[in-house]
């Protein structure tokens, strides 16, 4: 996570009192309601009195612009509060209206962006300031999401060449057809998005997962080929290709292919605790009893690499339990409960193990 970076962590500690609230806790729900948090992860910057300075929603893996935004907010620059103060004095400033519209979009408050986008269109119909096309696009996206009016957006992306707008446009269109449960239409747009944005791995990843998650068996070969392409990427995105292949092999009950590709993944990412845990859990879930010892080794290594992860201790516990190592299983599950005392699931798992162990 970005806050674990030494430089960013030092800056945060010098300027703020840091508090982390995990999803699922009662405190998190109260906090979410108080500040109308729309998604995770969200980083909120508050005054000592609890007044919001601004927030950052999501994290795309790029630390530098994230850190720049933190420093801006700390200096009270480009915050929602400062922009609202400026727009009060200059309500017909095109740039300010556009900044406020985009501020709400980035805060996952798209409905609040509408009046500012509309003002940009009205103030600058000839696009002198260069924001009008994006403002019209923002209104189309909002109309599609709020009212299901998808046709203007479909016509726009068919001609548009701006990858940033296409990215949002196709996401919105696909979301619309997924809600409508029109799988064929959604898949067609995934395929079009891949063609128009071939340098964005996410479209291959999302398309493949869509096929597998929806059990579109007639398209499994397409998903398989996409997964293979993704595993060849020279980035962390390659992991998604392996996850996709494992789901594919699980669906077709080919556990030789399943095992082979796990080993390939661990060769490429030898110290990835999440991959180890995923494989170990797959061994347990699919009852690959001849591989239980290997699964335990992987799970042990995963908890050593990431000792604060309750889910990894849970995996180790179940492999121990199924292998007859009841005391070790109970110890591992108690560790999961200790790490996540708010989780009813881990508590229930421990109670189940304790009953079966006696």
Protein backbone atom coordinates (compact mmCIF):
# COMPACT_ATOMS: atom_id res chain seq x y z
CA UNK A 1 0.00 0.00 0.00
CA UNK A 2 1.15 3.53 -0.76
CA UNK A 3 1.29 4.57 2.91
CA UNK A 4 3.95 1.93 3.56
CA UNK A 5 6.36 3.88 1.36
CA UNK A 6 9.02 5.36 3.67
CA UNK A 7 8.93 8.90 2.26
CA UNK A 8 5.14 9.09 2.10
CA UNK A 9 4.78 7.48 5.52
CA UNK A 10 7.14 10.02 7.07
CA UNK A 11 5.25 12.91 5.48
CA UNK A 12 1.92 11.56 6.77
CA UNK A 13 3.27 11.04 10.27
CA UNK A 14 4.65 14.60 10.36
CA UNK A 15 1.36 16.17 9.29
CA UNK A 16 -1.45 13.84 10.38
CA UNK A 17 -2.59 11.35 12.96
CA UNK A 18 -3.16 8.19 10.91
CA UNK A 19 -6.10 5.88 11.53
CA UNK A 20 -6.87 2.76 9.49
CA UNK A 21 -10.42 1.39 9.54
CA UNK A 22 -11.04 -2.04 8.01
CA UNK A 23 -14.17 -2.81 6.03
CA UNK A 24 -16.71 -4.92 7.91
CA UNK A 25 -16.22 -3.34 11.32
CA UNK A 26 -19.02 -1.47 13.07
CA UNK A 27 -16.75 1.56 13.33
CA UNK A 28 -16.22 1.43 9.56
CA UNK A 29 -19.96 1.44 8.90
CA UNK A 30 -20.48 4.45 11.17
CA UNK A 31 -17.57 6.24 9.51
CA UNK A 32 -18.86 5.37 6.03
CA UNK A 33 -22.30 6.79 6.78
CA UNK A 34 -20.96 9.94 8.41
CA UNK A 35 -18.74 10.86 5.47
CA UNK A 36 -20.78 9.22 2.67
CA UNK A 37 -17.91 7.01 1.53
CA UNK A 38 -18.76 5.49 -1.86
CA UNK A 39 -15.99 2.92 -2.31
CA UNK A 40 -12.72 1.41 -1.13
CA UNK A 41 -9.95 2.17 -0.64
CA UNK A 42 -10.71 5.75 0.36
CA UNK A 43 -8.26 8.08 2.09
CA UNK A 44 -9.96 10.93 3.97
CA UNK A 45 -8.10 14.01 5.17
CA UNK A 46 -9.78 15.58 8.20
CA UNK A 47 -9.22 18.55 10.47
CA UNK A 48 -8.84 17.89 14.24
CA UNK A 49 -12.55 18.76 14.55
CA UNK A 50 -13.47 16.06 12.03
CA UNK A 51 -14.22 18.42 9.14
CA UNK A 52 -13.28 16.90 5.81
CA UNK A 53 -10.48 18.63 3.91
CA UNK A 54 -10.80 16.28 0.94
CA UNK A 55 -10.42 12.63 0.00
CA UNK A 56 -8.69 10.35 -2.48
CA UNK A 57 -10.72 7.46 -3.85
CA UNK A 58 -8.99 4.34 -5.17
CA UNK A 59 -5.34 3.70 -5.97
CA UNK A 60 -4.03 2.78 -9.43
CA UNK A 61 -0.60 1.70 -8.20
CA UNK A 62 1.15 4.94 -9.19
CA UNK A 63 2.63 6.46 -6.04
CA UNK A 64 3.96 9.73 -7.43
CA UNK A 65 0.70 11.50 -8.41
CA UNK A 66 -0.92 10.11 -5.26
CA UNK A 67 1.81 11.68 -3.11
CA UNK A 68 1.54 14.98 -5.01
CA UNK A 69 -2.18 15.07 -4.24
CA UNK A 70 -1.50 14.44 -0.55
CA UNK A 71 0.96 17.35 -0.48
CA UNK A 72 -1.53 19.61 -2.28
CA UNK A 73 -4.28 18.81 0.22
CA UNK A 74 -1.89 19.40 3.12
CA UNK A 75 -1.20 22.88 1.68
CA UNK A 76 -4.98 23.37 1.17
CA UNK A 77 -4.58 23.52 -2.61
CA UNK A 78 -7.17 22.11 -5.04
CA UNK A 79 -9.31 20.73 -2.24
CA UNK A 80 -13.07 20.57 -2.61
CA UNK A 81 -13.48 23.23 0.06
CA UNK A 82 -11.05 25.63 -1.62
CA UNK A 83 -12.64 25.13 -5.05
CA UNK A 84 -16.13 25.75 -3.68
CA UNK A 85 -14.89 28.96 -2.10
CA UNK A 86 -13.40 30.10 -5.42
CA UNK A 87 -16.51 29.25 -7.46
CA UNK A 88 -18.61 31.40 -5.12
CA UNK A 89 -16.54 34.40 -6.15
CA UNK A 90 -16.23 33.39 -9.83
CA UNK A 91 -19.33 31.36 -10.78
CA UNK A 92 -18.74 31.80 -14.53
CA UNK A 93 -15.14 30.62 -14.54
CA UNK A 94 -15.04 27.74 -17.04
CA UNK A 95 -11.87 26.17 -15.65
CA UNK A 96 -13.20 26.25 -12.09
CA UNK A 97 -16.49 24.68 -13.11
CA UNK A 98 -14.65 21.90 -14.92
CA UNK A 99 -12.29 21.35 -11.97
CA UNK A 100 -15.24 21.03 -9.61
CA UNK A 101 -17.02 18.62 -11.93
CA UNK A 102 -13.94 16.40 -12.15
CA UNK A 103 -13.37 16.70 -8.41
CA UNK A 104 -16.77 15.11 -7.80
CA UNK A 105 -16.13 12.43 -10.42
CA UNK A 106 -12.86 11.45 -8.70
CA UNK A 107 -14.65 11.41 -5.35
CA UNK A 108 -17.14 8.88 -6.82
CA UNK A 109 -19.88 11.51 -6.58
CA UNK A 110 -20.68 11.70 -10.28
CA UNK A 111 -24.23 12.97 -9.73
CA UNK A 112 -22.81 16.09 -8.08
CA UNK A 113 -20.72 16.82 -11.17
CA UNK A 114 -23.73 17.41 -13.44
CA UNK A 115 -24.41 21.12 -12.74
CA UNK A 116 -20.74 21.98 -13.22
CA UNK A 117 -20.44 20.02 -16.47
CA UNK A 118 -23.64 21.69 -17.69
CA UNK A 119 -22.24 25.11 -16.81
CA UNK A 120 -19.09 24.40 -18.84
CA UNK A 121 -21.19 23.50 -21.89
CA UNK A 122 -23.31 26.63 -21.51
CA UNK A 123 -20.36 28.99 -20.91
CA UNK A 124 -18.09 27.57 -23.61
CA UNK A 125 -20.16 26.07 -26.46
CA UNK A 126 -17.26 26.52 -28.93
CA UNK A 127 -14.74 24.71 -26.70
CA UNK A 128 -12.39 27.68 -26.37
CA UNK A 129 -11.12 26.38 -23.00
CA UNK A 130 -10.83 22.76 -24.18
CA UNK A 131 -13.24 21.23 -21.66
CA UNK A 132 -16.54 21.14 -23.53
CA UNK A 133 -16.15 17.71 -25.16
CA UNK A 134 -15.27 16.14 -21.81
CA UNK A 135 -18.13 17.99 -20.13
CA UNK A 136 -20.63 16.69 -22.71
CA UNK A 137 -19.15 13.23 -22.28
CA UNK A 138 -19.50 13.49 -18.48
CA UNK A 139 -23.19 14.34 -18.88
CA UNK A 140 -23.68 11.38 -21.24
CA UNK A 141 -22.07 9.02 -18.73
CA UNK A 142 -24.26 10.35 -15.96
CA UNK A 143 -27.40 10.03 -18.10
CA UNK A 144 -26.48 6.46 -19.00
CA UNK A 145 -25.88 5.47 -15.39
CA UNK A 146 -28.79 7.31 -13.83
CA UNK A 147 -31.43 6.89 -16.53
CA UNK A 148 -30.26 4.00 -18.68
CA UNK A 149 -29.98 6.28 -21.72
CA UNK A 150 -27.08 4.44 -23.32
CA UNK A 151 -27.46 5.29 -27.03
CA UNK A 152 -25.70 8.72 -27.03
CA UNK A 153 -22.72 7.19 -25.26
CA UNK A 154 -22.58 4.27 -27.71
CA UNK A 155 -22.52 6.69 -30.64
CA UNK A 156 -19.82 8.77 -28.94
CA UNK A 157 -17.36 5.93 -28.27
CA UNK A 158 -17.86 4.53 -31.78
CA UNK A 159 -16.16 7.66 -33.17
CA UNK A 160 -13.99 8.77 -30.25
CA UNK A 161 -10.22 8.29 -30.30
CA UNK A 162 -9.36 9.60 -26.82
CA UNK A 163 -8.35 6.47 -24.80
CA UNK A 164 -9.20 8.11 -21.46
CA UNK A 165 -12.79 8.80 -22.52
CA UNK A 166 -13.11 5.44 -24.26
CA UNK A 167 -12.01 3.70 -21.08
CA UNK A 168 -14.78 5.30 -19.03
CA UNK A 169 -17.28 5.05 -21.89
CA UNK A 170 -16.87 1.33 -22.45
CA UNK A 171 -16.91 0.65 -18.71
CA UNK A 172 -20.25 2.47 -18.48
CA UNK A 173 -21.75 0.72 -21.50
CA UNK A 174 -20.66 -2.72 -20.31
CA UNK A 175 -21.98 -1.97 -16.83
CA UNK A 176 -25.35 -1.10 -18.41
CA UNK A 177 -25.60 -4.39 -20.31
CA UNK A 178 -24.40 -6.43 -17.36
CA UNK A 179 -27.15 -4.93 -15.21
CA UNK A 180 -29.60 -5.78 -18.01
CA UNK A 181 -28.13 -9.32 -17.99
CA UNK A 182 -27.45 -9.06 -21.71
CA UNK A 183 -24.28 -11.15 -21.69
CA UNK A 184 -23.83 -11.25 -25.46
CA UNK A 185 -24.00 -7.47 -25.77
CA UNK A 186 -21.63 -6.98 -22.82
CA UNK A 187 -19.14 -9.45 -24.30
CA UNK A 188 -19.33 -7.72 -27.70
CA UNK A 189 -18.36 -4.43 -26.08
CA UNK A 190 -15.53 -6.08 -24.12
CA UNK A 191 -14.19 -7.32 -27.45
CA UNK A 192 -14.54 -3.89 -29.06
CA UNK A 193 -12.78 -2.26 -26.10
CA UNK A 194 -9.86 -4.70 -26.47
CA UNK A 195 -9.56 -3.77 -30.16
CA UNK A 196 -9.67 -0.02 -29.53
CA UNK A 197 -7.36 -0.11 -26.49
CA UNK A 198 -4.94 -2.99 -27.16
CA UNK A 199 -2.28 -1.52 -24.85
CA UNK A 200 -4.57 -1.75 -21.79
CA UNK A 201 -4.27 -5.19 -20.23
CA UNK A 202 -7.36 -4.65 -18.10
CA UNK A 203 -9.67 -5.21 -21.07
CA UNK A 204 -8.20 -8.64 -21.77
CA UNK A 205 -8.37 -9.43 -18.07
CA UNK A 206 -11.96 -8.23 -17.65
CA UNK A 207 -13.13 -9.97 -20.82
CA UNK A 208 -11.62 -13.28 -19.78
CA UNK A 209 -13.09 -13.09 -16.27
CA UNK A 210 -16.50 -12.18 -17.70
CA UNK A 211 -16.53 -15.33 -19.83
CA UNK A 212 -15.43 -17.60 -16.98
CA UNK A 213 -17.56 -16.00 -14.24
CA UNK A 214 -20.66 -16.28 -16.43
CA UNK A 215 -19.82 -19.87 -17.41
CA UNK A 216 -20.03 -19.03 -21.12
CA UNK A 217 -18.68 -22.46 -22.07
CA UNK A 218 -18.88 -21.80 -25.81
CA UNK A 219 -16.36 -18.97 -25.25
CA UNK A 220 -13.98 -20.83 -22.92
CA UNK A 221 -11.35 -21.22 -25.63
CA UNK A 222 -11.34 -17.43 -26.07
CA UNK A 223 -10.88 -16.96 -22.31
CA UNK A 224 -8.09 -19.53 -22.30
CA UNK A 225 -6.24 -17.76 -25.12
CA UNK A 226 -6.64 -14.39 -23.38
CA UNK A 227 -5.31 -15.82 -20.12
CA UNK A 228 -2.26 -17.20 -21.89
CA UNK A 229 -1.54 -13.80 -23.45
CA UNK A 230 -1.88 -12.10 -20.06
CA UNK A 231 0.61 -14.48 -18.40
CA UNK A 232 3.22 -13.33 -20.93
CA UNK A 233 2.99 -9.68 -19.87
CA UNK A 234 6.04 -8.19 -18.19
CA UNK A 235 4.05 -6.73 -15.31
CA UNK A 236 2.07 -7.70 -12.25
CA UNK A 237 -0.93 -8.03 -14.58
CA UNK A 238 0.51 -11.41 -15.54
CA UNK A 239 -0.79 -12.74 -12.20
CA UNK A 240 -4.35 -12.16 -13.37
CA UNK A 241 -3.70 -14.43 -16.33
CA UNK A 242 -2.67 -17.23 -14.00
CA UNK A 243 -5.70 -16.71 -11.76
CA UNK A 244 -7.85 -16.88 -14.87
CA UNK A 245 -6.19 -20.08 -16.08
CA UNK A 246 -6.73 -21.72 -12.69
CA UNK A 247 -10.42 -20.88 -12.76
CA UNK A 248 -10.60 -22.21 -16.30
CA UNK A 249 -8.94 -25.50 -15.35
CA UNK A 250 -11.18 -25.79 -12.29
CA UNK A 251 -14.27 -25.36 -14.46
CA UNK A 252 -13.20 -28.13 -16.83
CA UNK A 253 -11.83 -30.31 -13.97
CA UNK A 254 -8.35 -30.50 -15.50
CA UNK A 255 -6.21 -30.58 -12.35
CA UNK A 256 -3.03 -31.51 -14.21
CA UNK A 257 -3.26 -28.24 -16.13
CA UNK A 258 -4.27 -26.52 -12.89
CA UNK A 259 -1.13 -27.72 -11.09
CA UNK A 260 1.19 -27.10 -14.03
CA UNK A 261 0.16 -23.45 -14.31
CA UNK A 262 0.40 -22.85 -10.58
CA UNK A 263 3.99 -24.03 -10.71
CA UNK A 264 4.67 -21.73 -13.67
CA UNK A 265 3.20 -18.81 -11.74
CA UNK A 266 5.29 -19.48 -8.66
CA UNK A 267 8.39 -19.70 -10.84
CA UNK A 268 7.62 -16.24 -12.19
CA UNK A 269 6.54 -14.81 -8.81
CA UNK A 270 8.50 -16.93 -6.27
CA UNK A 271 7.86 -14.72 -3.23
CA UNK A 272 4.21 -13.86 -3.80
CA UNK A 273 2.31 -14.84 -0.65
CA UNK A 274 -1.08 -14.32 -2.29
CA UNK A 275 -0.30 -16.74 -5.12
CA UNK A 276 0.97 -19.31 -2.62
CA UNK A 277 -2.16 -18.94 -0.54
CA UNK A 278 -4.40 -19.19 -3.61
CA UNK A 279 -2.73 -22.41 -4.69
CA UNK A 280 -2.78 -23.85 -1.18
CA UNK A 281 -6.50 -23.04 -0.86
CA UNK A 282 -7.13 -24.57 -4.29
CA UNK A 283 -5.47 -27.79 -3.15
CA UNK A 284 -7.72 -27.86 -0.08
CA UNK A 285 -10.91 -26.78 -1.87
CA UNK A 286 -10.53 -29.31 -4.69
CA UNK A 287 -9.48 -32.05 -2.25
CA UNK A 288 -6.22 -32.79 -4.08
CA UNK A 289 -5.19 -35.05 -1.23
CA UNK A 290 -1.96 -36.18 -2.89
CA UNK A 291 -0.82 -32.55 -2.78
CA UNK A 292 -1.85 -31.72 0.80
CA UNK A 293 1.74 -31.80 2.07
CA UNK A 294 2.79 -29.41 -0.68
CA UNK A 295 -0.23 -27.22 0.13
CA UNK A 296 0.85 -27.05 3.79
CA UNK A 297 4.37 -26.04 2.75
CA UNK A 298 2.99 -23.26 0.56
CA UNK A 299 0.58 -22.06 3.27
CA UNK A 300 3.37 -22.05 5.86
CA UNK A 301 5.53 -19.95 3.58
CA UNK A 302 2.61 -17.61 2.86
CA UNK A 303 1.95 -16.90 6.56
CA UNK A 304 5.67 -16.40 7.13
CA UNK A 305 5.72 -13.79 4.35
CA UNK A 306 2.44 -12.20 5.45
CA UNK A 307 1.85 -13.04 9.13
CA UNK A 308 -0.86 -10.39 9.54
CA UNK A 309 -3.24 -11.99 7.02
CA UNK A 310 -6.06 -13.90 8.71
CA UNK A 311 -7.13 -15.53 5.43
CA UNK A 312 -3.70 -17.14 5.01
CA UNK A 313 -3.82 -18.58 8.53
CA UNK A 314 -7.31 -19.87 7.72
CA UNK A 315 -5.96 -21.70 4.65
CA UNK A 316 -3.16 -23.26 6.68
CA UNK A 317 -5.62 -24.29 9.39
CA UNK A 318 -7.90 -26.18 7.00
CA UNK A 319 -5.01 -27.98 5.32
CA UNK A 320 -3.68 -29.03 8.72
CA UNK A 321 -7.16 -30.15 9.75
CA UNK A 322 -7.79 -32.23 6.63
CA UNK A 323 -4.35 -33.78 7.04
CA UNK A 324 -5.17 -34.92 10.58
CA UNK A 325 -2.97 -32.34 12.31
CA UNK A 326 -5.78 -31.15 14.59
CA UNK A 327 -3.74 -29.28 17.21
CA UNK A 328 -1.81 -27.35 14.58
CA UNK A 329 -5.08 -26.61 12.82
CA UNK A 330 -6.66 -25.19 15.98
CA UNK A 331 -3.59 -23.06 16.67
CA UNK A 332 -3.64 -21.62 13.14
CA UNK A 333 -7.39 -20.92 13.24
CA UNK A 334 -7.07 -19.22 16.63
CA UNK A 335 -4.45 -16.98 15.01
CA UNK A 336 -6.94 -16.07 12.25
CA UNK A 337 -9.55 -15.19 14.89
CA UNK A 338 -6.97 -13.17 16.83
CA UNK A 339 -6.14 -11.17 13.70
CA UNK A 340 -9.79 -10.66 12.72
CA UNK A 341 -11.87 -10.78 15.93
CA UNK A 342 -14.71 -9.05 14.05
CA UNK A 343 -15.09 -11.96 11.59
CA UNK A 344 -17.94 -14.30 12.43
CA UNK A 345 -16.71 -16.67 9.72
CA UNK A 346 -13.39 -17.35 11.40
CA UNK A 347 -15.08 -17.75 14.78
CA UNK A 348 -17.49 -20.29 13.29
CA UNK A 349 -14.61 -22.13 11.64
CA UNK A 350 -12.84 -22.37 15.00
CA UNK A 351 -15.97 -23.63 16.75
CA UNK A 352 -16.46 -26.24 14.03
CA UNK A 353 -12.87 -27.43 14.33
CA UNK A 354 -13.05 -27.58 18.12
CA UNK A 355 -16.17 -29.76 17.95
CA UNK A 356 -14.75 -32.09 15.30
CA UNK A 357 -11.39 -32.33 17.07
CA UNK A 358 -12.92 -33.77 20.27
